[in-house]
Protein backbone atom coordinates (compact mmCIF):
# COMPACT_ATOMS: atom_id res chain seq x y z
CA MET A 1 -18.69 -25.21 -28.43
CA LYS A 2 -16.80 -22.51 -30.27
CA LEU A 3 -17.82 -19.92 -27.66
CA LEU A 4 -16.41 -22.09 -24.86
CA ARG A 5 -13.14 -22.42 -26.74
CA ILE A 6 -12.89 -18.63 -27.17
CA ILE A 7 -13.60 -18.06 -23.47
CA PHE A 8 -11.01 -20.69 -22.53
CA LEU A 9 -8.39 -19.06 -24.75
CA LEU A 10 -9.15 -15.63 -23.29
CA LEU A 11 -8.73 -16.99 -19.76
CA ILE A 12 -5.41 -18.57 -20.66
CA ALA A 13 -4.26 -15.30 -22.26
CA ALA A 14 -5.32 -13.28 -19.20
CA ALA A 15 -3.75 -15.62 -16.62
CA PRO A 16 -0.23 -14.06 -16.71
CA PHE A 17 -1.72 -10.61 -16.08
CA LEU A 18 -3.87 -11.85 -13.20
CA PHE A 19 -1.14 -13.78 -11.38
CA ASN A 20 1.95 -11.67 -12.04
CA ALA A 21 2.03 -10.06 -8.56
CA CYS A 22 2.43 -13.34 -6.68
CA ALA A 23 5.98 -13.53 -5.40
CA VAL A 24 7.77 -14.87 -2.35
CA VAL A 25 10.20 -12.38 -0.83
CA GLN A 26 13.21 -14.07 0.67
CA PRO A 27 14.70 -12.73 3.95
CA TRP A 28 17.83 -11.43 2.21
CA GLU A 29 15.68 -9.53 -0.29
CA ARG A 30 13.72 -7.69 2.42
CA GLU A 31 16.69 -5.48 3.20
CA ARG A 32 16.43 -3.94 -0.26
CA LEU A 33 12.68 -3.35 0.17
CA SER A 34 13.21 -1.54 3.48
CA ASP A 35 15.66 0.90 1.87
CA PRO A 36 14.74 4.56 2.57
CA ASN A 37 14.57 5.12 -1.19
CA MET A 38 11.51 2.84 -1.27
CA MET A 39 9.50 5.10 1.09
CA PHE A 40 6.54 7.04 -0.27
CA ASP A 41 7.26 10.11 1.85
CA GLU A 42 10.63 11.76 1.47
CA ASN A 43 10.75 12.91 5.07
CA PRO A 44 8.51 11.14 7.60
CA MET A 45 9.07 13.93 10.14
CA ASP A 46 7.59 16.48 7.73
CA LYS A 47 4.68 14.15 7.01
CA GLY A 48 4.03 13.74 10.75
CA ALA A 49 4.09 17.51 11.29
CA GLU A 50 1.75 18.01 8.34
CA LEU A 51 -0.71 15.42 9.72
CA HIS A 52 -0.52 16.99 13.19
CA TYR A 53 -1.34 20.41 11.74
CA LEU A 54 -4.19 18.91 9.73
CA PHE A 55 -5.64 17.15 12.78
CA ILE A 56 -5.48 20.33 14.87
CA ARG A 57 -7.07 22.35 12.08
CA GLU A 58 -9.90 19.88 11.46
CA GLY A 59 -10.39 18.84 15.08
CA THR A 60 -9.92 15.18 14.19
CA GLU A 61 -7.44 12.53 15.17
CA GLY A 62 -6.64 9.05 13.92
CA GLY A 63 -7.29 7.26 10.67
CA ASP A 64 -3.65 7.39 9.63
CA GLY A 65 -2.59 4.11 11.18
CA SER A 66 -1.33 5.56 14.46
CA GLN A 67 -2.65 4.44 17.84
CA SER A 68 -4.54 7.08 19.73
CA GLY A 69 -7.85 7.69 21.37
CA GLY A 70 -9.29 9.82 18.59
CA CYS A 71 -9.93 12.71 20.96
CA GLY A 72 -7.16 14.93 19.65
CA CYS A 73 -4.95 14.35 22.70
CA GLY A 74 -2.60 12.18 20.58
């Protein structure tokens, strides 16, 4: 009985950490999330050129979320 109580208390203590990422983003808040400062890459043109060079060098294409045939003809 005491073990069940300890497990229950641990689950209650862990609940805020497990469910803290659940949030509803309102339409007027999405503008802030689409701000260029929120982008992972500073310059998407440089990132695209770097990926193009990498694909040519390795002889591969695709896998980066872009639509193409995978034959290198991009």
